[in-house]
Amino acid sequence: MSATPAAALPLLYLCRHGQTTWNADGRLQGQEDVPLNTLGRHQARRNGRYLKNVLGERAKDFRFLSSPMARASETMRIIRKELGLPPDDFATDGRLIELNFGDWQGQTTREIRAWDAAGLAARDADKWHFRPPGERAESYAMLAARARPVFEGLTGPTIVTAHGGISRIFLATFAGLAEDEAAYIGIPQDRVLVAERGQIEWR
């Protein structure tokens, strides 16, 4: 899949949801609806304060869009509260939900290795294209095909809350990051990925 030039995007602030207990435990969440923990709410408030400092009153003119999953939606509500805006006044898009890990969801890498070491080895060999076992499981390539149109369809300044997988496919699609690098890169939960005037960076 070829990258879309970042210059084609409007001003965008992309936030990963704050931490959950499963994040802290190293469990693959995927499409399991795990809520934020205390640290995760603190991280969301940090990102909200950053946006308030940068945008001020301009924030009310932005579109607000979130994954419908609980951890992303709560992150958005916290951010909007920090911005002084009605917490629940935002849209959701199901294409922004996290990668589905199929039969691996809810397990740590160590637990998976005990019963599917071959699967983990295959994933390590080509993480971008690997699809875990399970009827609904997805690869990062499949996630990119699902979520890319959301970003390409943005028509004005937007704040998005979503997931680590969404941030990874965004970096591969719009920042030109190699797919194998994007699949492994760490995605912080207390920083904001900013796309502005063709430049993409963490702030």
N, C-alpha and C. Protein backbone atom coordinates (compact mmCIF):
# COMPACT_ATOMS: atom_id res chain seq x y z
N MET A 1 0.85 -1.19 0.00
CA MET A 1 0.00 0.00 0.00
C MET A 1 0.89 1.24 0.00
N SER A 2 0.69 2.12 -0.96
CA SER A 2 1.50 3.32 -1.05
C SER A 2 1.04 4.36 -0.03
N ALA A 3 2.00 5.16 0.42
CA ALA A 3 1.69 6.18 1.42
C ALA A 3 1.00 7.37 0.76
N THR A 4 0.06 7.95 1.48
CA THR A 4 -0.59 9.18 1.07
C THR A 4 0.22 10.35 1.63
N PRO A 5 0.51 11.37 0.83
CA PRO A 5 1.30 12.50 1.35
C PRO A 5 0.63 13.14 2.56
N ALA A 6 1.44 13.41 3.59
CA ALA A 6 0.90 14.06 4.79
C ALA A 6 0.30 15.42 4.45
N ALA A 7 0.82 16.06 3.41
CA ALA A 7 0.32 17.38 3.04
C ALA A 7 -1.13 17.34 2.60
N ALA A 8 -1.64 16.15 2.27
CA ALA A 8 -3.04 16.03 1.86
C ALA A 8 -3.99 16.07 3.04
N LEU A 9 -3.46 16.00 4.25
CA LEU A 9 -4.31 15.98 5.45
C LEU A 9 -4.58 17.39 5.96
N PRO A 10 -5.76 17.61 6.54
CA PRO A 10 -5.97 18.85 7.29
C PRO A 10 -5.24 18.75 8.62
N LEU A 11 -5.23 19.84 9.39
CA LEU A 11 -4.62 19.82 10.71
C LEU A 11 -5.28 18.72 11.55
N LEU A 12 -4.45 17.84 12.11
CA LEU A 12 -4.97 16.67 12.82
C LEU A 12 -4.17 16.43 14.10
N TYR A 13 -4.89 16.16 15.19
CA TYR A 13 -4.29 15.73 16.44
C TYR A 13 -4.82 14.32 16.73
N LEU A 14 -3.93 13.34 16.70
CA LEU A 14 -4.31 11.95 16.90
C LEU A 14 -3.80 11.47 18.26
N CYS A 15 -4.73 11.04 19.12
CA CYS A 15 -4.38 10.63 20.48
C CYS A 15 -4.70 9.14 20.66
N ARG A 16 -3.72 8.40 21.14
CA ARG A 16 -4.02 7.05 21.59
C ARG A 16 -4.74 7.15 22.93
N HIS A 17 -5.63 6.19 23.21
CA HIS A 17 -6.30 6.17 24.51
C HIS A 17 -5.28 6.02 25.64
N GLY A 18 -5.69 6.40 26.83
CA GLY A 18 -4.84 6.23 28.00
C GLY A 18 -4.70 4.76 28.38
N GLN A 19 -3.83 4.52 29.35
CA GLN A 19 -3.53 3.15 29.75
C GLN A 19 -4.72 2.44 30.39
N THR A 20 -4.79 1.12 30.18
CA THR A 20 -5.75 0.25 30.85
C THR A 20 -4.97 -0.77 31.68
N THR A 21 -5.69 -1.53 32.50
CA THR A 21 -5.00 -2.57 33.28
C THR A 21 -4.40 -3.62 32.35
N TRP A 22 -5.04 -3.90 31.23
CA TRP A 22 -4.50 -4.87 30.28
C TRP A 22 -3.23 -4.34 29.62
N ASN A 23 -3.18 -3.05 29.32
CA ASN A 23 -1.93 -2.46 28.83
C ASN A 23 -0.82 -2.69 29.86
N ALA A 24 -1.12 -2.40 31.11
CA ALA A 24 -0.13 -2.53 32.18
C ALA A 24 0.35 -3.97 32.32
N ASP A 25 -0.54 -4.93 32.07
CA ASP A 25 -0.20 -6.35 32.20
C ASP A 25 0.42 -6.93 30.93
N GLY A 26 0.46 -6.16 29.86
CA GLY A 26 1.00 -6.66 28.61
C GLY A 26 0.06 -7.59 27.87
N ARG A 27 -1.26 -7.44 28.10
CA ARG A 27 -2.23 -8.28 27.42
C ARG A 27 -2.70 -7.65 26.11
N LEU A 28 -2.90 -8.49 25.11
CA LEU A 28 -3.41 -8.02 23.83
C LEU A 28 -4.89 -7.70 23.99
N GLN A 29 -5.25 -6.43 23.88
CA GLN A 29 -6.65 -6.04 24.09
C GLN A 29 -7.48 -6.23 22.83
N GLY A 30 -6.94 -5.76 21.71
CA GLY A 30 -7.71 -5.83 20.48
C GLY A 30 -9.07 -5.20 20.65
N GLN A 31 -10.10 -5.95 20.35
CA GLN A 31 -11.46 -5.42 20.40
C GLN A 31 -12.21 -5.79 21.67
N GLU A 32 -11.46 -6.20 22.70
CA GLU A 32 -12.07 -6.36 24.03
C GLU A 32 -12.21 -4.96 24.64
N ASP A 33 -13.35 -4.67 25.24
CA ASP A 33 -13.65 -3.31 25.68
C ASP A 33 -13.18 -3.09 27.12
N VAL A 34 -11.90 -2.86 27.29
CA VAL A 34 -11.30 -2.68 28.61
C VAL A 34 -11.25 -1.19 28.95
N PRO A 35 -11.70 -0.78 30.14
CA PRO A 35 -11.73 0.65 30.49
C PRO A 35 -10.36 1.18 30.88
N LEU A 36 -10.24 2.51 30.92
CA LEU A 36 -9.02 3.15 31.39
C LEU A 36 -8.79 2.86 32.87
N ASN A 37 -7.51 2.85 33.26
CA ASN A 37 -7.20 2.81 34.68
C ASN A 37 -6.86 4.23 35.16
N THR A 38 -6.44 4.35 36.40
CA THR A 38 -6.17 5.69 36.96
C THR A 38 -5.08 6.41 36.18
N LEU A 39 -4.00 5.71 35.86
CA LEU A 39 -2.93 6.33 35.08
C LEU A 39 -3.44 6.73 33.70
N GLY A 40 -4.28 5.90 33.11
CA GLY A 40 -4.81 6.21 31.79
C GLY A 40 -5.63 7.50 31.78
N ARG A 41 -6.39 7.72 32.83
CA ARG A 41 -7.17 8.96 32.92
C ARG A 41 -6.24 10.16 33.11
N HIS A 42 -5.17 9.97 33.86
CA HIS A 42 -4.18 11.04 34.02
C HIS A 42 -3.53 11.37 32.67
N GLN A 43 -3.20 10.34 31.89
CA GLN A 43 -2.60 10.56 30.57
C GLN A 43 -3.55 11.31 29.64
N ALA A 44 -4.82 10.95 29.70
CA ALA A 44 -5.81 11.64 28.87
C ALA A 44 -5.93 13.11 29.27
N ARG A 45 -5.89 13.38 30.57
CA ARG A 45 -5.94 14.77 31.03
C ARG A 45 -4.70 15.54 30.56
N ARG A 46 -3.55 14.89 30.57
CA ARG A 46 -2.33 15.54 30.08
C ARG A 46 -2.51 15.94 28.62
N ASN A 47 -3.03 15.05 27.82
CA ASN A 47 -3.22 15.37 26.40
C ASN A 47 -4.27 16.46 26.21
N GLY A 48 -5.29 16.44 27.04
CA GLY A 48 -6.29 17.50 26.97
C GLY A 48 -5.71 18.85 27.33
N ARG A 49 -4.85 18.89 28.35
CA ARG A 49 -4.22 20.15 28.74
C ARG A 49 -3.27 20.65 27.65
N TYR A 50 -2.56 19.72 27.02
CA TYR A 50 -1.69 20.12 25.90
C TYR A 50 -2.52 20.77 24.80
N LEU A 51 -3.63 20.14 24.44
CA LEU A 51 -4.46 20.68 23.37
C LEU A 51 -5.05 22.04 23.76
N LYS A 52 -5.40 22.19 25.02
CA LYS A 52 -5.93 23.48 25.48
C LYS A 52 -4.88 24.57 25.36
N ASN A 53 -3.65 24.23 25.73
CA ASN A 53 -2.56 25.22 25.64
C ASN A 53 -2.27 25.61 24.20
N VAL A 54 -2.39 24.65 23.29
CA VAL A 54 -2.07 24.90 21.89
C VAL A 54 -3.23 25.58 21.16
N LEU A 55 -4.44 25.14 21.44
CA LEU A 55 -5.59 25.58 20.65
C LEU A 55 -6.41 26.68 21.30
N GLY A 56 -6.50 26.67 22.62
CA GLY A 56 -7.33 27.66 23.30
C GLY A 56 -8.75 27.64 22.78
N GLU A 57 -9.29 28.81 22.48
CA GLU A 57 -10.68 28.92 22.03
C GLU A 57 -10.90 28.32 20.64
N ARG A 58 -9.81 28.11 19.89
CA ARG A 58 -9.97 27.52 18.55
C ARG A 58 -10.48 26.08 18.61
N ALA A 59 -10.33 25.43 19.75
CA ALA A 59 -10.73 24.03 19.86
C ALA A 59 -12.19 23.81 19.50
N LYS A 60 -13.03 24.78 19.81
CA LYS A 60 -14.47 24.60 19.55
C LYS A 60 -14.78 24.50 18.07
N ASP A 61 -13.84 24.92 17.21
CA ASP A 61 -14.06 24.87 15.77
C ASP A 61 -13.58 23.57 15.14
N PHE A 62 -12.99 22.69 15.96
CA PHE A 62 -12.49 21.41 15.46
C PHE A 62 -13.61 20.37 15.42
N ARG A 63 -13.43 19.38 14.55
CA ARG A 63 -14.27 18.18 14.59
C ARG A 63 -13.63 17.22 15.58
N PHE A 64 -14.44 16.53 16.36
CA PHE A 64 -13.96 15.56 17.33
C PHE A 64 -14.49 14.19 16.94
N LEU A 65 -13.57 13.24 16.76
CA LEU A 65 -13.92 11.92 16.24
C LEU A 65 -13.19 10.86 17.05
N SER A 66 -13.92 9.81 17.47
CA SER A 66 -13.32 8.77 18.31
C SER A 66 -13.70 7.38 17.82
N SER A 67 -12.83 6.43 18.14
CA SER A 67 -13.24 5.03 18.12
C SER A 67 -14.39 4.88 19.11
N PRO A 68 -15.38 4.02 18.81
CA PRO A 68 -16.48 3.84 19.75
C PRO A 68 -16.12 2.99 20.97
N MET A 69 -14.93 2.40 21.00
CA MET A 69 -14.56 1.57 22.13
C MET A 69 -14.44 2.41 23.40
N ALA A 70 -14.75 1.80 24.55
CA ALA A 70 -14.87 2.54 25.81
C ALA A 70 -13.60 3.30 26.16
N ARG A 71 -12.44 2.69 26.00
CA ARG A 71 -11.20 3.35 26.43
C ARG A 71 -10.89 4.57 25.57
N ALA A 72 -11.23 4.51 24.29
CA ALA A 72 -11.00 5.67 23.41
C ALA A 72 -12.05 6.75 23.65
N SER A 73 -13.30 6.34 23.83
CA SER A 73 -14.37 7.31 24.06
C SER A 73 -14.20 8.04 25.39
N GLU A 74 -13.77 7.31 26.43
CA GLU A 74 -13.52 7.97 27.72
C GLU A 74 -12.36 8.94 27.59
N THR A 75 -11.33 8.56 26.85
CA THR A 75 -10.22 9.47 26.60
C THR A 75 -10.71 10.75 25.95
N MET A 76 -11.59 10.63 24.96
CA MET A 76 -12.13 11.82 24.29
C MET A 76 -12.95 12.67 25.26
N ARG A 77 -13.76 12.04 26.09
CA ARG A 77 -14.56 12.82 27.05
C ARG A 77 -13.66 13.61 28.01
N ILE A 78 -12.59 12.98 28.46
CA ILE A 78 -11.65 13.66 29.35
C ILE A 78 -10.99 14.83 28.63
N ILE A 79 -10.56 14.61 27.39
CA ILE A 79 -9.92 15.68 26.61
C ILE A 79 -10.89 16.85 26.42
N ARG A 80 -12.12 16.56 26.06
CA ARG A 80 -13.09 17.63 25.84
C ARG A 80 -13.38 18.39 27.14
N LYS A 81 -13.41 17.68 28.25
CA LYS A 81 -13.61 18.35 29.54
C LYS A 81 -12.47 19.32 29.82
N GLU A 82 -11.23 18.88 29.53
CA GLU A 82 -10.07 19.75 29.73
C GLU A 82 -10.14 20.97 28.81
N LEU A 83 -10.76 20.81 27.65
CA LEU A 83 -10.90 21.92 26.70
C LEU A 83 -12.07 22.83 27.03
N GLY A 84 -12.83 22.48 28.08
CA GLY A 84 -13.98 23.28 28.46
C GLY A 84 -15.17 23.09 27.55
N LEU A 85 -15.25 21.92 26.91
CA LEU A 85 -16.33 21.62 25.97
C LEU A 85 -17.23 20.53 26.54
N PRO A 86 -18.49 20.43 26.10
CA PRO A 86 -19.39 19.37 26.57
C PRO A 86 -18.75 18.00 26.31
N PRO A 87 -18.54 17.19 27.34
CA PRO A 87 -17.77 15.95 27.19
C PRO A 87 -18.31 14.97 26.15
N ASP A 88 -19.62 14.89 26.01
CA ASP A 88 -20.20 13.85 25.15
C ASP A 88 -20.49 14.30 23.73
N ASP A 89 -20.12 15.51 23.37
CA ASP A 89 -20.48 16.06 22.06
C ASP A 89 -19.38 15.75 21.03
N PHE A 90 -19.30 14.48 20.63
CA PHE A 90 -18.33 14.07 19.61
C PHE A 90 -18.90 12.90 18.82
N ALA A 91 -18.32 12.67 17.64
CA ALA A 91 -18.77 11.58 16.78
C ALA A 91 -17.87 10.36 16.96
N THR A 92 -18.38 9.18 16.61
CA THR A 92 -17.58 7.97 16.62
C THR A 92 -17.62 7.33 15.23
N ASP A 93 -16.60 6.55 14.94
CA ASP A 93 -16.52 5.84 13.65
C ASP A 93 -16.00 4.44 13.91
N GLY A 94 -16.79 3.43 13.59
CA GLY A 94 -16.42 2.05 13.85
C GLY A 94 -15.17 1.59 13.12
N ARG A 95 -14.78 2.29 12.08
CA ARG A 95 -13.55 1.92 11.35
C ARG A 95 -12.30 2.23 12.16
N LEU A 96 -12.46 2.98 13.25
CA LEU A 96 -11.32 3.33 14.09
C LEU A 96 -11.11 2.37 15.26
N ILE A 97 -11.89 1.31 15.36
CA ILE A 97 -11.67 0.36 16.45
C ILE A 97 -10.33 -0.35 16.26
N GLU A 98 -9.84 -0.90 17.34
CA GLU A 98 -8.51 -1.51 17.34
C GLU A 98 -8.48 -2.79 16.49
N LEU A 99 -7.27 -3.16 16.13
CA LEU A 99 -6.99 -4.44 15.47
C LEU A 99 -7.62 -5.59 16.25
N ASN A 100 -8.21 -6.53 15.55
CA ASN A 100 -8.76 -7.72 16.21
C ASN A 100 -7.68 -8.80 16.26
N PHE A 101 -7.34 -9.26 17.47
CA PHE A 101 -6.30 -10.26 17.66
C PHE A 101 -6.85 -11.68 17.68
N GLY A 102 -8.11 -11.87 17.36
CA GLY A 102 -8.67 -13.21 17.25
C GLY A 102 -8.53 -14.01 18.53
N ASP A 103 -8.03 -15.24 18.39
CA ASP A 103 -7.90 -16.14 19.53
C ASP A 103 -6.84 -15.70 20.53
N TRP A 104 -6.03 -14.73 20.16
CA TRP A 104 -4.97 -14.25 21.05
C TRP A 104 -5.45 -13.17 22.01
N GLN A 105 -6.60 -12.58 21.78
CA GLN A 105 -7.05 -11.46 22.62
C GLN A 105 -7.16 -11.87 24.08
N GLY A 106 -6.71 -10.98 24.95
CA GLY A 106 -6.78 -11.22 26.38
C GLY A 106 -5.58 -11.95 26.95
N GLN A 107 -4.62 -12.31 26.11
CA GLN A 107 -3.47 -13.08 26.56
C GLN A 107 -2.18 -12.27 26.41
N THR A 108 -1.19 -12.61 27.22
CA THR A 108 0.13 -12.03 27.08
C THR A 108 0.93 -12.83 26.06
N THR A 109 2.02 -12.26 25.60
CA THR A 109 2.88 -12.99 24.66
C THR A 109 3.40 -14.27 25.30
N ARG A 110 3.72 -14.21 26.57
CA ARG A 110 4.21 -15.42 27.25
C ARG A 110 3.15 -16.51 27.26
N GLU A 111 1.91 -16.13 27.51
CA GLU A 111 0.83 -17.12 27.52
C GLU A 111 0.59 -17.71 26.13
N ILE A 112 0.66 -16.87 25.12
CA ILE A 112 0.46 -17.35 23.75
C ILE A 112 1.57 -18.31 23.35
N ARG A 113 2.80 -18.00 23.75
CA ARG A 113 3.93 -18.84 23.38
C ARG A 113 3.77 -20.28 23.89
N ALA A 114 3.05 -20.43 25.01
CA ALA A 114 2.87 -21.76 25.58
C ALA A 114 2.02 -22.66 24.68
N TRP A 115 1.16 -22.07 23.83
CA TRP A 115 0.31 -22.91 22.99
C TRP A 115 0.38 -22.59 21.49
N ASP A 116 1.01 -21.47 21.14
CA ASP A 116 1.09 -21.11 19.73
C ASP A 116 2.43 -20.45 19.42
N ALA A 117 3.51 -21.15 19.76
CA ALA A 117 4.84 -20.62 19.50
C ALA A 117 5.08 -20.43 18.01
N ALA A 118 4.53 -21.32 17.20
CA ALA A 118 4.71 -21.20 15.75
C ALA A 118 4.03 -19.94 15.22
N GLY A 119 2.88 -19.61 15.79
CA GLY A 119 2.18 -18.40 15.37
C GLY A 119 2.98 -17.15 15.71
N LEU A 120 3.57 -17.12 16.89
CA LEU A 120 4.39 -15.96 17.28
C LEU A 120 5.61 -15.83 16.38
N ALA A 121 6.20 -16.97 16.01
CA ALA A 121 7.35 -16.92 15.11
C ALA A 121 6.96 -16.38 13.75
N ALA A 122 5.79 -16.79 13.25
CA ALA A 122 5.31 -16.28 11.97
C ALA A 122 5.02 -14.79 12.06
N ARG A 123 4.49 -14.35 13.18
CA ARG A 123 4.23 -12.93 13.38
C ARG A 123 5.53 -12.12 13.40
N ASP A 124 6.54 -12.65 14.07
CA ASP A 124 7.83 -11.96 14.12
C ASP A 124 8.46 -11.84 12.74
N ALA A 125 8.19 -12.81 11.87
CA ALA A 125 8.77 -12.80 10.54
C ALA A 125 8.14 -11.75 9.63
N ASP A 126 6.87 -11.43 9.86
CA ASP A 126 6.19 -10.44 9.00
C ASP A 126 4.99 -9.90 9.77
N LYS A 127 5.26 -9.06 10.75
CA LYS A 127 4.21 -8.61 11.67
C LYS A 127 3.11 -7.81 10.96
N TRP A 128 3.47 -7.04 9.93
CA TRP A 128 2.49 -6.21 9.24
C TRP A 128 1.41 -7.05 8.57
N HIS A 129 1.80 -8.18 7.97
CA HIS A 129 0.85 -8.98 7.21
C HIS A 129 0.32 -10.19 7.96
N PHE A 130 0.87 -10.47 9.15
CA PHE A 130 0.44 -11.66 9.89
C PHE A 130 -0.96 -11.48 10.45
N ARG A 131 -1.77 -12.50 10.28
CA ARG A 131 -3.13 -12.51 10.82
C ARG A 131 -3.22 -13.62 11.87
N PRO A 132 -3.50 -13.27 13.14
CA PRO A 132 -3.59 -14.29 14.19
C PRO A 132 -4.71 -15.29 13.90
N PRO A 133 -4.70 -16.42 14.59
CA PRO A 133 -5.80 -17.37 14.42
C PRO A 133 -7.11 -16.81 14.95
N GLY A 134 -8.21 -17.23 14.35
CA GLY A 134 -9.51 -16.75 14.78
C GLY A 134 -10.28 -16.14 13.63
N GLU A 135 -11.57 -16.37 13.60
CA GLU A 135 -12.41 -15.98 12.46
C GLU A 135 -12.36 -14.49 12.18
N ARG A 136 -12.33 -13.64 13.21
CA ARG A 136 -12.41 -12.19 13.02
C ARG A 136 -11.06 -11.50 13.09
N ALA A 137 -9.99 -12.26 13.25
CA ALA A 137 -8.66 -11.68 13.43
C ALA A 137 -8.24 -10.87 12.20
N GLU A 138 -7.40 -9.86 12.46
CA GLU A 138 -6.93 -8.96 11.40
C GLU A 138 -5.41 -8.82 11.43
N SER A 139 -4.84 -8.51 10.30
CA SER A 139 -3.45 -8.09 10.20
C SER A 139 -3.41 -6.57 10.21
N TYR A 140 -2.21 -6.01 10.38
CA TYR A 140 -2.09 -4.55 10.28
C TYR A 140 -2.44 -4.08 8.87
N ALA A 141 -2.12 -4.89 7.87
CA ALA A 141 -2.48 -4.53 6.50
C ALA A 141 -4.00 -4.41 6.35
N MET A 142 -4.74 -5.31 6.98
CA MET A 142 -6.20 -5.26 6.94
C MET A 142 -6.71 -4.05 7.72
N LEU A 143 -6.09 -3.76 8.84
CA LEU A 143 -6.48 -2.59 9.63
C LEU A 143 -6.26 -1.31 8.83
N ALA A 144 -5.14 -1.24 8.12
CA ALA A 144 -4.85 -0.05 7.31
C ALA A 144 -5.91 0.14 6.23
N ALA A 145 -6.32 -0.95 5.59
CA ALA A 145 -7.36 -0.84 4.56
C ALA A 145 -8.68 -0.38 5.15
N ARG A 146 -8.96 -0.77 6.39
CA ARG A 146 -10.21 -0.38 7.06
C ARG A 146 -10.20 1.07 7.50
N ALA A 147 -9.08 1.52 8.10
CA ALA A 147 -9.05 2.83 8.75
C ALA A 147 -8.54 3.96 7.87
N ARG A 148 -7.75 3.65 6.88
CA ARG A 148 -7.17 4.70 6.03
C ARG A 148 -8.22 5.66 5.48
N PRO A 149 -9.37 5.15 4.98
CA PRO A 149 -10.36 6.08 4.42
C PRO A 149 -10.91 7.09 5.42
N VAL A 150 -10.86 6.77 6.71
CA VAL A 150 -11.33 7.74 7.71
C VAL A 150 -10.48 9.01 7.63
N PHE A 151 -9.17 8.83 7.60
CA PHE A 151 -8.27 9.98 7.58
C PHE A 151 -8.29 10.69 6.22
N GLU A 152 -8.40 9.91 5.17
CA GLU A 152 -8.44 10.52 3.84
C GLU A 152 -9.73 11.30 3.62
N GLY A 153 -10.75 11.00 4.41
CA GLY A 153 -12.03 11.69 4.27
C GLY A 153 -12.17 12.93 5.13
N LEU A 154 -11.16 13.25 5.94
CA LEU A 154 -11.24 14.44 6.79
C LEU A 154 -11.20 15.70 5.92
N THR A 155 -12.05 16.64 6.25
CA THR A 155 -12.15 17.86 5.44
C THR A 155 -11.76 19.14 6.20
N GLY A 156 -11.47 19.01 7.47
CA GLY A 156 -11.10 20.18 8.25
C GLY A 156 -10.37 19.77 9.51
N PRO A 157 -9.93 20.72 10.32
CA PRO A 157 -9.18 20.42 11.54
C PRO A 157 -9.93 19.43 12.44
N THR A 158 -9.22 18.41 12.91
CA THR A 158 -9.87 17.30 13.62
C THR A 158 -9.00 16.81 14.77
N ILE A 159 -9.66 16.42 15.86
CA ILE A 159 -9.01 15.72 16.97
C ILE A 159 -9.60 14.31 17.01
N VAL A 160 -8.72 13.30 16.97
CA VAL A 160 -9.14 11.90 16.94
C VAL A 160 -8.58 11.18 18.15
N THR A 161 -9.39 10.35 18.80
CA THR A 161 -8.90 9.43 19.82
C THR A 161 -9.13 8.00 19.33
N ALA A 162 -8.07 7.20 19.41
CA ALA A 162 -8.19 5.84 18.89
C ALA A 162 -7.21 4.93 19.62
N HIS A 163 -6.46 4.12 18.90
CA HIS A 163 -5.70 3.02 19.49
C HIS A 163 -4.28 2.96 18.95
N GLY A 164 -3.46 2.13 19.60
CA GLY A 164 -2.09 1.96 19.14
C GLY A 164 -2.00 1.48 17.71
N GLY A 165 -2.83 0.51 17.35
CA GLY A 165 -2.81 0.00 15.99
C GLY A 165 -3.17 1.06 14.97
N ILE A 166 -4.14 1.89 15.30
CA ILE A 166 -4.53 2.98 14.40
C ILE A 166 -3.37 3.95 14.22
N SER A 167 -2.66 4.26 15.29
CA SER A 167 -1.50 5.15 15.18
C SER A 167 -0.42 4.53 14.31
N ARG A 168 -0.23 3.22 14.42
CA ARG A 168 0.81 2.56 13.61
C ARG A 168 0.46 2.60 12.12
N ILE A 169 -0.79 2.31 11.79
CA ILE A 169 -1.13 2.34 10.36
C ILE A 169 -1.13 3.78 9.84
N PHE A 170 -1.42 4.75 10.72
CA PHE A 170 -1.36 6.15 10.32
C PHE A 170 0.08 6.52 9.96
N LEU A 171 1.05 6.10 10.77
CA LEU A 171 2.44 6.42 10.51
C LEU A 171 2.94 5.78 9.22
N ALA A 172 2.49 4.57 8.94
CA ALA A 172 2.89 3.91 7.70
C ALA A 172 2.23 4.55 6.49
N THR A 173 0.99 4.96 6.65
CA THR A 173 0.21 5.48 5.52
C THR A 173 0.53 6.92 5.20
N PHE A 174 0.74 7.73 6.21
CA PHE A 174 0.87 9.17 6.00
C PHE A 174 2.25 9.75 6.33
N ALA A 175 3.03 9.06 7.17
CA ALA A 175 4.36 9.56 7.51
C ALA A 175 5.46 8.84 6.74
N GLY A 176 5.09 7.85 5.94
CA GLY A 176 6.07 7.14 5.13
C GLY A 176 6.94 6.17 5.91
N LEU A 177 6.53 5.83 7.14
CA LEU A 177 7.29 4.87 7.93
C LEU A 177 7.17 3.49 7.31
N ALA A 178 8.28 2.76 7.23
CA ALA A 178 8.25 1.42 6.66
C ALA A 178 7.28 0.54 7.44
N GLU A 179 6.55 -0.32 6.73
CA GLU A 179 5.52 -1.13 7.38
C GLU A 179 6.08 -1.98 8.50
N ASP A 180 7.25 -2.60 8.30
CA ASP A 180 7.80 -3.46 9.35
C ASP A 180 8.22 -2.64 10.56
N GLU A 181 8.65 -1.40 10.34
CA GLU A 181 8.99 -0.53 11.47
C GLU A 181 7.73 -0.04 12.17
N ALA A 182 6.72 0.33 11.40
CA ALA A 182 5.46 0.82 11.99
C ALA A 182 4.81 -0.25 12.85
N ALA A 183 4.91 -1.51 12.44
CA ALA A 183 4.27 -2.59 13.18
C ALA A 183 4.87 -2.78 14.57
N TYR A 184 6.12 -2.39 14.75
CA TYR A 184 6.81 -2.61 16.03
C TYR A 184 6.97 -1.34 16.87
N ILE A 185 6.80 -0.18 16.28
CA ILE A 185 7.10 1.06 16.99
C ILE A 185 6.20 1.23 18.22
N GLY A 186 6.79 1.73 19.29
CA GLY A 186 5.99 2.01 20.48
C GLY A 186 5.13 3.25 20.28
N ILE A 187 3.91 3.19 20.78
CA ILE A 187 2.98 4.32 20.65
C ILE A 187 2.67 4.85 22.04
N PRO A 188 3.14 6.05 22.38
CA PRO A 188 2.91 6.59 23.73
C PRO A 188 1.44 6.91 23.97
N GLN A 189 1.06 6.86 25.24
CA GLN A 189 -0.32 7.18 25.62
C GLN A 189 -0.43 8.54 26.29
N ASP A 190 0.69 9.23 26.42
CA ASP A 190 0.69 10.55 27.06
C ASP A 190 1.28 11.61 26.14
N ARG A 191 1.21 11.38 24.84
CA ARG A 191 1.64 12.36 23.86
C ARG A 191 0.63 12.36 22.71
N VAL A 192 0.69 13.40 21.89
CA VAL A 192 -0.25 13.57 20.79
C VAL A 192 0.52 13.55 19.48
N LEU A 193 0.02 12.79 18.51
CA LEU A 193 0.61 12.76 17.18
C LEU A 193 -0.04 13.85 16.34
N VAL A 194 0.78 14.80 15.87
CA VAL A 194 0.27 15.98 15.19
C VAL A 194 0.65 15.95 13.72
N ALA A 195 -0.33 16.13 12.85
CA ALA A 195 -0.10 16.30 11.42
C ALA A 195 -0.46 17.73 11.05
N GLU A 196 0.55 18.50 10.66
CA GLU A 196 0.33 19.92 10.39
C GLU A 196 1.24 20.37 9.26
N ARG A 197 0.63 20.92 8.20
CA ARG A 197 1.37 21.46 7.05
C ARG A 197 2.36 20.44 6.48
N GLY A 198 1.91 19.21 6.38
CA GLY A 198 2.75 18.18 5.77
C GLY A 198 3.75 17.54 6.69
N GLN A 199 3.83 17.98 7.96
CA GLN A 199 4.77 17.42 8.94
C GLN A 199 4.00 16.62 9.98
N ILE A 200 4.59 15.49 10.38
CA ILE A 200 3.97 14.64 11.39
C ILE A 200 4.97 14.41 12.51
N GLU A 201 4.58 14.72 13.75
CA GLU A 201 5.49 14.56 14.88
C GLU A 201 4.71 14.39 16.17
N TRP A 202 5.40 13.81 17.17
CA TRP A 202 4.82 13.66 18.51
C TRP A 202 5.04 14.94 19.31
N ARG A 203 4.02 15.32 20.04
CA ARG A 203 4.14 16.49 20.92
C ARG A 203 3.47 16.18 22.26
